Amino acid sequence: MIAKEFPNTRIIARGNRIVVEGDDEEVERLQILFEKLAEAAHSKHPPSLEEVKYLVSQVKEGGELDGVLTDIIQITHWGEAIRPKTEGQRRYVKAIHENDVVFAIGPAGTGKTYLAVACAIDYLKKGKVKRIVLTRPAVEAGEELGFLPGDILQKVHPYLRPLYDAIYDMIPGREFEQWMTHGKIEIAPLAYMRGRTLNHAFVILDEAQNTTHTQMKMFLTRLGFGSKAVVTGDITQVDLVGRTSGLREVIEILSGIPGIAFVYLDRRDVVRHPLVKEIIEAYERYEKAKQKREAGKASLADTPS
């Protein structure tokens, strides 16, 4: 697979020795790649084939690899290592460790929510926080949950399902239920955060592009002593109708404040099925072409007849 990605070189593997010959630039990148793979292979959790593919992509694009595939955040209950797979994800995890408020902005599949949940569980297990609070706006229900059947958890479960999915990867179901019962993990819609102060908590706001100005301000001012907040969202997928996204606004409002970090992820950080990256690129091309066409129509309309 590696040889196919670097067609201008010859790779010879004999025993525990690898010889690379050919194009100087590719040879240099392959040296970096194999040194990184050797480092990762020495860990208790050597990289999977998919992780090797992500690493090859990073090397080809000249990304910074410090911490990629080697900084393990969490181990799933079936033994798989959760770690940054791209340079962007590495920056994201580093920002979480170094700041009290982190905004992760990027397209679907870049690991925004998954890595935040992994870090939150790591902090809880190490006693750095006393609880995890996960929330997201239930935009599809317009926050009007009273008409839905069942108690509050049953009403909001469909909207919070992605958060449950991430947690179930990292904690066995029984342990998760115990943590929920004892208040160590709380999952609730954003509307139920009003009026609270969250001390010694790791708070995650997911799908933040669907918050309004008021909701974003309300959420950020819930932060108490010893707490950390991670806000994730994709500003290209706003479901609000007739209102400005609170996530778009907050970039302008809070940029430059010490202790608050903004991390931007892009298609290079997509770690889902390879077609997801192709889909994102196709949509980006379509949107650019559409904007160009609309700009052309506007200039024609302004031209005197």
C-alpha atoms as a PDB file:
ATOM      1  CA  MET A   1       0.000   0.000   0.000  1.00  0.00           C
ATOM      2  CA  ILE A   2       2.830   2.415   0.888  1.00  0.00           C
ATOM      3  CA  ALA A   3       4.727   1.565  -2.320  1.00  0.00           C
ATOM      4  CA  LYS A   4       1.606   2.372  -4.354  1.00  0.00           C
ATOM      5  CA  GLU A   5       1.332   5.793  -2.705  1.00  0.00           C
ATOM      6  CA  PHE A   6       4.998   6.604  -3.481  1.00  0.00           C
ATOM      7  CA  PRO A   7       5.446   5.417  -7.098  1.00  0.00           C
ATOM      8  CA  ASN A   8       8.784   7.201  -7.652  1.00  0.00           C
ATOM      9  CA  THR A   9      10.642   5.108  -5.079  1.00  0.00           C
ATOM     10  CA  ARG A  10      11.648   1.494  -4.613  1.00  0.00           C
ATOM     11  CA  ILE A  11      11.004  -0.018  -1.186  1.00  0.00           C
ATOM     12  CA  ILE A  12      12.914  -3.170  -0.207  1.00  0.00           C
ATOM     13  CA  ALA A  13      12.094  -4.948   3.067  1.00  0.00           C
ATOM     14  CA  ARG A  14      14.537  -7.566   4.369  1.00  0.00           C
ATOM     15  CA  GLY A  15      14.052  -8.843   7.906  1.00  0.00           C
ATOM     16  CA  ASN A  16      13.851  -5.812  10.181  1.00  0.00           C
ATOM     17  CA  ARG A  17      15.596  -3.556   7.650  1.00  0.00           C
ATOM     18  CA  ILE A  18      13.884  -1.331   5.077  1.00  0.00           C
ATOM     19  CA  VAL A  19      15.791   0.231   2.175  1.00  0.00           C
ATOM     20  CA  VAL A  20      14.244   3.058   0.163  1.00  0.00           C
ATOM     21  CA  GLU A  21      15.684   4.212  -3.170  1.00  0.00           C
ATOM     22  CA  GLY A  22      14.524   6.779  -5.705  1.00  0.00           C
ATOM     23  CA  ASP A  23      13.206  10.354  -5.772  1.00  0.00           C
ATOM     24  CA  ASP A  24      14.990  12.407  -3.068  1.00  0.00           C
ATOM     25  CA  GLU A  25      11.851  14.163  -1.816  1.00  0.00           C
ATOM     26  CA  GLU A  26       9.864  10.922  -1.579  1.00  0.00           C
ATOM     27  CA  VAL A  27      12.777   9.116   0.093  1.00  0.00           C
ATOM     28  CA  GLU A  28      12.895  11.866   2.739  1.00  0.00           C
ATOM     29  CA  ARG A  29       9.153  11.594   3.381  1.00  0.00           C
ATOM     30  CA  LEU A  30       9.316   7.798   3.541  1.00  0.00           C
ATOM     31  CA  GLN A  31      12.092   7.991   6.105  1.00  0.00           C
ATOM     32  CA  ILE A  32       9.820  10.147   8.277  1.00  0.00           C
ATOM     33  CA  LEU A  33       6.930   7.734   7.686  1.00  0.00           C
ATOM     34  CA  PHE A  34       8.832   4.561   8.615  1.00  0.00           C
ATOM     35  CA  GLU A  35      10.413   6.185  11.682  1.00  0.00           C
ATOM     36  CA  LYS A  36       6.938   7.202  12.853  1.00  0.00           C
ATOM     37  CA  LEU A  37       5.532   3.725  12.152  1.00  0.00           C
ATOM     38  CA  ALA A  38       8.407   2.139  14.078  1.00  0.00           C
ATOM     39  CA  GLU A  39       7.680   4.438  17.027  1.00  0.00           C
ATOM     40  CA  ALA A  40       3.980   3.545  16.948  1.00  0.00           C
ATOM     41  CA  ALA A  41       4.709  -0.183  16.529  1.00  0.00           C
ATOM     42  CA  HIS A  42       6.713  -0.231  19.767  1.00  0.00           C
ATOM     43  CA  SER A  43       3.622   0.762  21.766  1.00  0.00           C
ATOM     44  CA  LYS A  44       1.253  -1.797  23.261  1.00  0.00           C
ATOM     45  CA  HIS A  45      -1.261  -0.821  20.574  1.00  0.00           C
ATOM     46  CA  PRO A  46       0.402  -0.908  17.129  1.00  0.00           C
ATOM     47  CA  PRO A  47      -1.431   1.008  14.382  1.00  0.00           C
ATOM     48  CA  SER A  48      -4.169  -0.531  12.295  1.00  0.00           C
ATOM     49  CA  LEU A  49      -4.093  -0.537   8.488  1.00  0.00           C
ATOM     50  CA  GLU A  50      -6.562   2.356   8.431  1.00  0.00           C
ATOM     51  CA  GLU A  51      -4.330   4.366  10.784  1.00  0.00           C
ATOM     52  CA  VAL A  52      -1.337   3.670   8.536  1.00  0.00           C
ATOM     53  CA  LYS A  53      -3.358   5.043   5.599  1.00  0.00           C
ATOM     54  CA  TYR A  54      -4.102   8.247   7.531  1.00  0.00           C
ATOM     55  CA  LEU A  55      -0.421   8.576   8.431  1.00  0.00           C
ATOM     56  CA  VAL A  56       0.656   8.121   4.804  1.00  0.00           C
ATOM     57  CA  SER A  57      -1.762  10.882   3.799  1.00  0.00           C
ATOM     58  CA  GLN A  58      -0.299  13.209   6.452  1.00  0.00           C
ATOM     59  CA  VAL A  59       3.268  12.502   5.335  1.00  0.00           C
ATOM     60  CA  LYS A  60       2.421  13.151   1.661  1.00  0.00           C
ATOM     61  CA  GLU A  61       0.919  16.520   2.582  1.00  0.00           C
ATOM     62  CA  GLY A  62       3.890  17.446   4.797  1.00  0.00           C
ATOM     63  CA  GLY A  63       1.937  17.597   8.083  1.00  0.00           C
ATOM     64  CA  GLU A  64       3.499  17.791  11.549  1.00  0.00           C
ATOM     65  CA  LEU A  65       3.534  14.265  13.010  1.00  0.00           C
ATOM     66  CA  ASP A  66       4.592  14.858  16.622  1.00  0.00           C
ATOM     67  CA  GLY A  67       2.038  12.981  18.751  1.00  0.00           C
ATOM     68  CA  VAL A  68       0.144  11.520  15.789  1.00  0.00           C
ATOM     69  CA  LEU A  69      -0.604   7.811  16.459  1.00  0.00           C
ATOM     70  CA  THR A  70       1.556   7.800  19.611  1.00  0.00           C
ATOM     71  CA  ASP A  71      -0.353   9.971  22.116  1.00  0.00           C
ATOM     72  CA  ILE A  72      -2.969   7.491  23.341  1.00  0.00           C
ATOM     73  CA  ILE A  73      -5.938   9.222  24.984  1.00  0.00           C
ATOM     74  CA  GLN A  74      -8.136   6.273  25.874  1.00  0.00           C
ATOM     75  CA  ILE A  75      -8.497   2.535  25.268  1.00  0.00           C
ATOM     76  CA  THR A  76     -11.879   1.188  24.156  1.00  0.00           C
ATOM     77  CA  HIS A  77     -13.314  -1.652  26.227  1.00  0.00           C
ATOM     78  CA  TRP A  78     -12.373  -4.038  23.399  1.00  0.00           C
ATOM     79  CA  GLY A  79      -8.724  -2.896  23.497  1.00  0.00           C
ATOM     80  CA  GLU A  80      -8.487  -0.431  20.586  1.00  0.00           C
ATOM     81  CA  ALA A  81      -6.395   2.711  21.162  1.00  0.00           C
ATOM     82  CA  ILE A  82      -8.039   6.107  20.699  1.00  0.00           C
ATOM     83  CA  ARG A  83      -5.381   8.594  19.591  1.00  0.00           C
ATOM     84  CA  PRO A  84      -4.909  11.523  17.193  1.00  0.00           C
ATOM     85  CA  LYS A  85      -4.708  10.162  13.657  1.00  0.00           C
ATOM     86  CA  THR A  86      -3.916  13.464  11.922  1.00  0.00           C
ATOM     87  CA  GLU A  87      -1.932  16.623  12.626  1.00  0.00           C
ATOM     88  CA  GLY A  88      -5.161  18.596  13.037  1.00  0.00           C
ATOM     89  CA  GLN A  89      -6.462  16.125  15.612  1.00  0.00           C
ATOM     90  CA  ARG A  90      -3.137  16.347  17.463  1.00  0.00           C
ATOM     91  CA  ARG A  91      -3.505  20.152  17.663  1.00  0.00           C
ATOM     92  CA  TYR A  92      -7.073  19.676  18.882  1.00  0.00           C
ATOM     93  CA  VAL A  93      -6.143  17.328  21.730  1.00  0.00           C
ATOM     94  CA  LYS A  94      -3.213  19.563  22.716  1.00  0.00           C
ATOM     95  CA  ALA A  95      -5.535  22.587  22.817  1.00  0.00           C
ATOM     96  CA  ILE A  96      -7.923  20.710  25.145  1.00  0.00           C
ATOM     97  CA  HIS A  97      -5.071  19.983  27.568  1.00  0.00           C
ATOM     98  CA  GLU A  98      -3.744  23.548  27.498  1.00  0.00           C
ATOM     99  CA  ASN A  99      -6.968  25.635  27.543  1.00  0.00           C
ATOM    100  CA  ASP A 100     -10.147  25.800  29.617  1.00  0.00           C
ATOM    101  CA  VAL A 101     -12.395  26.563  26.641  1.00  0.00           C
ATOM    102  CA  VAL A 102     -11.807  25.025  23.203  1.00  0.00           C
ATOM    103  CA  PHE A 103     -13.818  25.464  20.013  1.00  0.00           C
ATOM    104  CA  ALA A 104     -13.360  22.701  17.421  1.00  0.00           C
ATOM    105  CA  ILE A 105     -14.725  23.727  14.029  1.00  0.00           C
ATOM    106  CA  GLY A 106     -14.697  21.406  11.042  1.00  0.00           C
ATOM    107  CA  PRO A 107     -16.667  19.056   8.766  1.00  0.00           C
ATOM    108  CA  ALA A 108     -18.216  15.713   9.640  1.00  0.00           C
ATOM    109  CA  GLY A 109     -15.837  12.830  10.277  1.00  0.00           C
ATOM    110  CA  THR A 110     -12.933  14.847  11.716  1.00  0.00           C
ATOM    111  CA  GLY A 111     -13.329  13.370  15.220  1.00  0.00           C
ATOM    112  CA  LYS A 112     -14.502  16.566  16.940  1.00  0.00           C
ATOM    113  CA  THR A 113     -17.014  14.916  19.274  1.00  0.00           C
ATOM    114  CA  TYR A 114     -15.289  11.553  19.576  1.00  0.00           C
ATOM    115  CA  LEU A 115     -11.942  12.971  20.736  1.00  0.00           C
ATOM    116  CA  ALA A 116     -13.644  15.402  23.124  1.00  0.00           C
ATOM    117  CA  VAL A 117     -15.534  12.534  24.769  1.00  0.00           C
ATOM    118  CA  ALA A 118     -12.317  10.469  24.962  1.00  0.00           C
ATOM    119  CA  CYS A 119     -10.507  13.339  26.693  1.00  0.00           C
ATOM    120  CA  ALA A 120     -13.448  13.891  29.053  1.00  0.00           C
ATOM    121  CA  ILE A 121     -13.479  10.240  30.158  1.00  0.00           C
ATOM    122  CA  ASP A 122      -9.685  10.358  30.614  1.00  0.00           C
ATOM    123  CA  TYR A 123     -10.033  13.442  32.847  1.00  0.00           C
ATOM    124  CA  LEU A 124     -12.822  11.793  34.868  1.00  0.00           C
ATOM    125  CA  LYS A 125     -10.897   8.547  35.394  1.00  0.00           C
ATOM    126  CA  LYS A 126      -7.805  10.493  36.518  1.00  0.00           C
ATOM    127  CA  GLY A 127      -9.825  12.602  38.965  1.00  0.00           C
ATOM    128  CA  LYS A 128      -9.158  15.888  37.152  1.00  0.00           C
ATOM    129  CA  VAL A 129     -12.921  16.536  37.049  1.00  0.00           C
ATOM    130  CA  LYS A 130     -15.807  15.128  39.064  1.00  0.00           C
ATOM    131  CA  ARG A 131     -18.322  14.734  36.237  1.00  0.00           C
ATOM    132  CA  ILE A 132     -18.919  14.952  32.508  1.00  0.00           C
ATOM    133  CA  VAL A 133     -21.787  17.001  31.079  1.00  0.00           C
ATOM    134  CA  LEU A 134     -22.709  16.422  27.429  1.00  0.00           C
ATOM    135  CA  THR A 135     -25.227  18.610  25.661  1.00  0.00           C
ATOM    136  CA  ARG A 136     -26.421  19.617  22.217  1.00  0.00           C
ATOM    137  CA  PRO A 137     -29.306  21.709  20.857  1.00  0.00           C
ATOM    138  CA  ALA A 138     -32.344  19.682  19.800  1.00  0.00           C
ATOM    139  CA  VAL A 139     -32.959  21.865  16.774  1.00  0.00           C
ATOM    140  CA  GLU A 140     -35.111  19.347  14.920  1.00  0.00           C
ATOM    141  CA  ALA A 141     -37.551  19.491  17.843  1.00  0.00           C
ATOM    142  CA  GLY A 142     -37.198  23.257  18.106  1.00  0.00           C
ATOM    143  CA  GLU A 143     -36.395  22.662  21.811  1.00  0.00           C
ATOM    144  CA  GLU A 144     -40.162  22.044  22.142  1.00  0.00           C
ATOM    145  CA  LEU A 145     -39.854  18.585  23.648  1.00  0.00           C
ATOM    146  CA  GLY A 146     -43.144  18.511  25.552  1.00  0.00           C
ATOM    147  CA  PHE A 147     -45.085  17.008  22.657  1.00  0.00           C
ATOM    148  CA  LEU A 148     -42.806  13.962  22.425  1.00  0.00           C
ATOM    149  CA  PRO A 149     -43.753  10.803  24.374  1.00  0.00           C
ATOM    150  CA  GLY A 150     -41.888   9.518  27.458  1.00  0.00           C
ATOM    151  CA  ASP A 151     -39.739  11.080  30.183  1.00  0.00           C
ATOM    152  CA  ILE A 152     -37.003  13.623  29.487  1.00  0.00           C
ATOM    153  CA  LEU A 153     -34.352  11.012  28.581  1.00  0.00           C
ATOM    154  CA  GLN A 154     -36.700   9.256  26.177  1.00  0.00           C
ATOM    155  CA  LYS A 155     -37.687  12.582  24.587  1.00  0.00           C
ATOM    156  CA  VAL A 156     -34.150  13.749  23.855  1.00  0.00           C
ATOM    157  CA  HIS A 157     -32.480  10.378  23.228  1.00  0.00           C
ATOM    158  CA  PRO A 158     -32.676  10.582  19.389  1.00  0.00           C
ATOM    159  CA  TYR A 159     -30.944  13.996  19.413  1.00  0.00           C
ATOM    160  CA  LEU A 160     -28.194  12.892  21.821  1.00  0.00           C
ATOM    161  CA  ARG A 161     -27.553   9.518  20.180  1.00  0.00           C
ATOM    162  CA  PRO A 162     -24.124  10.488  18.713  1.00  0.00           C
ATOM    163  CA  LEU A 163     -22.898  11.285  22.235  1.00  0.00           C
ATOM    164  CA  TYR A 164     -24.117   7.918  23.522  1.00  0.00           C
ATOM    165  CA  ASP A 165     -22.416   6.151  20.608  1.00  0.00           C
ATOM    166  CA  ALA A 166     -19.052   7.731  21.455  1.00  0.00           C
ATOM    167  CA  ILE A 167     -19.320   6.826  25.143  1.00  0.00           C
ATOM    168  CA  TYR A 168     -20.367   3.226  24.481  1.00  0.00           C
ATOM    169  CA  ASP A 169     -17.124   2.776  22.522  1.00  0.00           C
ATOM    170  CA  MET A 170     -15.078   3.695  25.582  1.00  0.00           C
ATOM    171  CA  ILE A 171     -17.068   2.419  28.569  1.00  0.00           C
ATOM    172  CA  PRO A 172     -18.903  -0.915  28.936  1.00  0.00           C
ATOM    173  CA  GLY A 173     -22.678  -0.457  29.063  1.00  0.00           C
ATOM    174  CA  ARG A 174     -23.010  -1.498  32.723  1.00  0.00           C
ATOM    175  CA  GLU A 175     -20.296   0.910  33.870  1.00  0.00           C
ATOM    176  CA  PHE A 176     -21.873   3.697  31.839  1.00  0.00           C
ATOM    177  CA  GLU A 177     -25.255   3.104  33.498  1.00  0.00           C
ATOM    178  CA  GLN A 178     -23.587   3.237  36.928  1.00  0.00           C
ATOM    179  CA  TRP A 179     -21.853   6.498  36.098  1.00  0.00           C
ATOM    180  CA  MET A 180     -25.160   7.943  34.893  1.00  0.00           C
ATOM    181  CA  THR A 181     -26.922   6.808  38.092  1.00  0.00           C
ATOM    182  CA  HIS A 182     -24.258   8.366  40.319  1.00  0.00           C
ATOM    183  CA  GLY A 183     -24.214  11.623  38.343  1.00  0.00           C
ATOM    184  CA  LYS A 184     -20.705  11.198  36.948  1.00  0.00           C
ATOM    185  CA  ILE A 185     -22.058  11.502  33.411  1.00  0.00           C
ATOM    186  CA  GLU A 186     -25.000  13.710  32.484  1.00  0.00           C
ATOM    187  CA  ILE A 187     -26.469  14.000  28.989  1.00  0.00           C
ATOM    188  CA  ALA A 188     -29.100  16.671  28.430  1.00  0.00           C
ATOM    189  CA  PRO A 189     -30.419  19.057  25.770  1.00  0.00           C
ATOM    190  CA  LEU A 190     -28.994  22.573  25.779  1.00  0.00           C
ATOM    191  CA  ALA A 191     -32.292  24.073  26.942  1.00  0.00           C
ATOM    192  CA  TYR A 192     -31.795  22.369  30.344  1.00  0.00           C
ATOM    193  CA  MET A 193     -28.436  24.111  30.998  1.00  0.00           C
ATOM    194  CA  ARG A 194     -30.034  27.466  31.806  1.00  0.00           C
ATOM    195  CA  GLY A 195     -29.584  28.706  35.365  1.00  0.00           C
ATOM    196  CA  ARG A 196     -26.867  26.196  36.287  1.00  0.00           C
ATOM    197  CA  THR A 197     -23.231  26.604  37.367  1.00  0.00           C
ATOM    198  CA  LEU A 198     -21.031  23.662  36.396  1.00  0.00           C
ATOM    199  CA  ASN A 199     -18.075  23.290  38.780  1.00  0.00           C
ATOM    200  CA  HIS A 200     -15.311  20.660  38.406  1.00  0.00           C
ATOM    201  CA  ALA A 201     -16.914  19.391  35.206  1.00  0.00           C
ATOM    202  CA  PHE A 202     -15.814  18.554  31.684  1.00  0.00           C
ATOM    203  CA  VAL A 203     -18.588  20.066  29.570  1.00  0.00           C
ATOM    204  CA  ILE A 204     -19.062  19.296  25.866  1.00  0.00           C
ATOM    205  CA  LEU A 205     -21.438  21.234  23.613  1.00  0.00           C
ATOM    206  CA  ASP A 206     -21.945  19.285  20.396  1.00  0.00           C
ATOM    207  CA  GLU A 207     -23.501  20.546  17.117  1.00  0.00           C
ATOM    208  CA  ALA A 208     -22.872  24.112  18.314  1.00  0.00           C
ATOM    209  CA  GLN A 209     -23.523  25.546  14.834  1.00  0.00           C
ATOM    210  CA  ASN A 210     -27.211  25.142  15.689  1.00  0.00           C
ATOM    211  CA  THR A 211     -27.068  27.392  18.761  1.00  0.00           C
ATOM    212  CA  THR A 212     -28.406  30.926  18.669  1.00  0.00           C
ATOM    213  CA  HIS A 213     -26.505  33.952  20.004  1.00  0.00           C
ATOM    214  CA  THR A 214     -28.422  33.713  23.290  1.00  0.00           C
ATOM    215  CA  GLN A 215     -27.898  29.969  23.684  1.00  0.00           C
ATOM    216  CA  MET A 216     -24.146  30.193  23.062  1.00  0.00           C
ATOM    217  CA  LYS A 217     -23.743  33.000  25.589  1.00  0.00           C
ATOM    218  CA  MET A 218     -25.886  31.082  28.098  1.00  0.00           C
ATOM    219  CA  PHE A 219     -23.797  27.932  27.702  1.00  0.00           C
ATOM    220  CA  LEU A 220     -20.405  29.622  27.988  1.00  0.00           C
ATOM    221  CA  THR A 221     -21.426  31.446  31.165  1.00  0.00           C
ATOM    222  CA  ARG A 222     -22.341  28.130  32.882  1.00  0.00           C
ATOM    223  CA  LEU A 223     -18.640  27.331  33.343  1.00  0.00           C
ATOM    224  CA  GLY A 224     -17.621  27.093  37.010  1.00  0.00           C
ATOM    225  CA  PHE A 225     -14.402  26.572  38.970  1.00  0.00           C
ATOM    226  CA  GLY A 226     -12.153  23.687  37.917  1.00  0.00           C
ATOM    227  CA  SER A 227     -14.136  23.094  34.737  1.00  0.00           C
ATOM    228  CA  LYS A 228     -13.258  22.689  31.080  1.00  0.00           C
ATOM    229  CA  ALA A 229     -15.534  23.234  28.081  1.00  0.00           C
ATOM    230  CA  VAL A 230     -15.220  21.910  24.539  1.00  0.00           C
ATOM    231  CA  VAL A 231     -17.554  23.279  21.857  1.00  0.00           C
ATOM    232  CA  THR A 232     -17.778  21.404  18.554  1.00  0.00           C
ATOM    233  CA  GLY A 233     -19.549  22.244  15.317  1.00  0.00           C
ATOM    234  CA  ASP A 234     -19.550  22.568  11.548  1.00  0.00           C
ATOM    235  CA  ILE A 235     -20.425  26.073  10.364  1.00  0.00           C
ATOM    236  CA  THR A 236     -21.226  24.727   6.886  1.00  0.00           C
ATOM    237  CA  GLN A 237     -24.166  22.693   8.246  1.00  0.00           C
ATOM    238  CA  VAL A 238     -26.356  25.189  10.099  1.00  0.00           C
ATOM    239  CA  ASP A 239     -29.969  24.040  10.536  1.00  0.00           C
ATOM    240  CA  LEU A 240     -31.258  27.282  12.074  1.00  0.00           C
ATOM    241  CA  VAL A 241     -33.869  29.085   9.987  1.00  0.00           C
ATOM    242  CA  GLY A 242     -33.789  32.875   9.878  1.00  0.00           C
ATOM    243  CA  ARG A 243     -31.264  33.186  12.730  1.00  0.00           C
ATOM    244  CA  THR A 244     -27.498  33.642  12.902  1.00  0.00           C
ATOM    245  CA  SER A 245     -25.429  30.747  14.228  1.00  0.00           C
ATOM    246  CA  GLY A 246     -23.970  31.404  17.673  1.00  0.00           C
ATOM    247  CA  LEU A 247     -20.866  29.457  16.661  1.00  0.00           C
ATOM    248  CA  ARG A 248     -20.185  31.770  13.711  1.00  0.00           C
ATOM    249  CA  GLU A 249     -20.536  34.817  15.951  1.00  0.00           C
ATOM    250  CA  VAL A 250     -18.358  33.506  18.767  1.00  0.00           C
ATOM    251  CA  ILE A 251     -15.329  33.249  16.468  1.00  0.00           C
ATOM    252  CA  GLU A 252     -15.355  37.042  16.175  1.00  0.00           C
ATOM    253  CA  ILE A 253     -16.400  37.724  19.772  1.00  0.00           C
ATOM    254  CA  LEU A 254     -13.895  35.554  21.677  1.00  0.00           C
ATOM    255  CA  SER A 255     -10.838  35.277  19.403  1.00  0.00           C
ATOM    256  CA  GLY A 256      -7.627  36.353  21.110  1.00  0.00           C
ATOM    257  CA  ILE A 257      -8.732  35.778  24.715  1.00  0.00           C
ATOM    258  CA  PRO A 258      -6.094  33.799  26.719  1.00  0.00           C
ATOM    259  CA  GLY A 259      -7.379  30.398  27.835  1.00  0.00           C
ATOM    260  CA  ILE A 260      -9.764  30.141  24.865  1.00  0.00           C
ATOM    261  CA  ALA A 261      -8.570  28.234  21.785  1.00  0.00           C
ATOM    262  CA  PHE A 262     -10.050  27.805  18.315  1.00  0.00           C
ATOM    263  CA  VAL A 263      -9.014  24.695  16.368  1.00  0.00           C
ATOM    264  CA  TYR A 264      -9.996  24.408  12.712  1.00  0.00           C
ATOM    265  CA  LEU A 265     -10.167  20.944  11.169  1.00  0.00           C
ATOM    266  CA  ASP A 266     -10.645  20.242   7.459  1.00  0.00           C
ATOM    267  CA  ARG A 267     -10.964  17.419   4.928  1.00  0.00           C
ATOM    268  CA  ARG A 268      -7.383  16.306   5.698  1.00  0.00           C
ATOM    269  CA  ASP A 269      -8.568  15.352   9.193  1.00  0.00           C
ATOM    270  CA  VAL A 270     -11.497  13.187   8.062  1.00  0.00           C
ATOM    271  CA  VAL A 271     -11.070   9.723   9.591  1.00  0.00           C
ATOM    272  CA  ARG A 272     -14.228   8.042   8.372  1.00  0.00           C
ATOM    273  CA  HIS A 273     -14.734   6.011   5.207  1.00  0.00           C
ATOM    274  CA  PRO A 274     -12.426   7.343   2.431  1.00  0.00           C
ATOM    275  CA  LEU A 275     -15.505   8.375   0.433  1.00  0.00           C
ATOM    276  CA  VAL A 276     -16.444  10.895   3.152  1.00  0.00           C
ATOM    277  CA  LYS A 277     -13.371  12.941   2.238  1.00  0.00           C
ATOM    278  CA  GLU A 278     -14.337  12.747  -1.461  1.00  0.00           C
ATOM    279  CA  ILE A 279     -17.895  13.828  -0.631  1.00  0.00           C
ATOM    280  CA  ILE A 280     -16.671  16.842   1.374  1.00  0.00           C
ATOM    281  CA  GLU A 281     -14.348  17.893  -1.454  1.00  0.00           C
ATOM    282  CA  ALA A 282     -17.164  17.529  -4.009  1.00  0.00           C
ATOM    283  CA  TYR A 283     -19.470  19.739  -1.921  1.00  0.00           C
ATOM    284  CA  GLU A 284     -16.688  22.322  -1.499  1.00  0.00           C
ATOM    285  CA  ARG A 285     -16.230  22.470  -5.285  1.00  0.00           C
ATOM    286  CA  TYR A 286     -19.987  22.763  -5.789  1.00  0.00           C
ATOM    287  CA  GLU A 287     -20.333  25.603  -3.254  1.00  0.00           C
ATOM    288  CA  LYS A 288     -17.405  27.531  -4.775  1.00  0.00           C
ATOM    289  CA  ALA A 289     -18.847  27.141  -8.281  1.00  0.00           C
ATOM    290  CA  LYS A 290     -22.285  28.220  -7.032  1.00  0.00           C
ATOM    291  CA  GLN A 291     -20.865  31.330  -5.325  1.00  0.00           C
ATOM    292  CA  LYS A 292     -18.970  32.191  -8.503  1.00  0.00           C
ATOM    293  CA  ARG A 293     -22.140  31.855 -10.607  1.00  0.00           C
ATOM    294  CA  GLU A 294     -24.145  33.998  -8.171  1.00  0.00           C
ATOM    295  CA  ALA A 295     -21.399  36.642  -8.108  1.00  0.00           C
ATOM    296  CA  GLY A 296     -21.454  36.669 -11.921  1.00  0.00           C
ATOM    297  CA  LYS A 297     -25.247  37.153 -11.977  1.00  0.00           C
ATOM    298  CA  ALA A 298     -24.998  39.979  -9.423  1.00  0.00           C
ATOM    299  CA  SER A 299     -22.363  41.828 -11.473  1.00  0.00           C
ATOM    300  CA  LEU A 300     -24.516  41.508 -14.598  1.00  0.00           C
ATOM    301  CA  ALA A 301     -27.521  42.865 -12.748  1.00  0.00           C
ATOM    302  CA  ASP A 302     -25.505  45.919 -11.653  1.00  0.00           C
ATOM    303  CA  THR A 303     -24.314  46.644 -15.193  1.00  0.00           C
ATOM    304  CA  PRO A 304     -26.264  49.574 -16.795  1.00  0.00           C
ATOM    305  CA  SER A 305     -28.314  48.501 -19.818  1.00  0.00           C
END
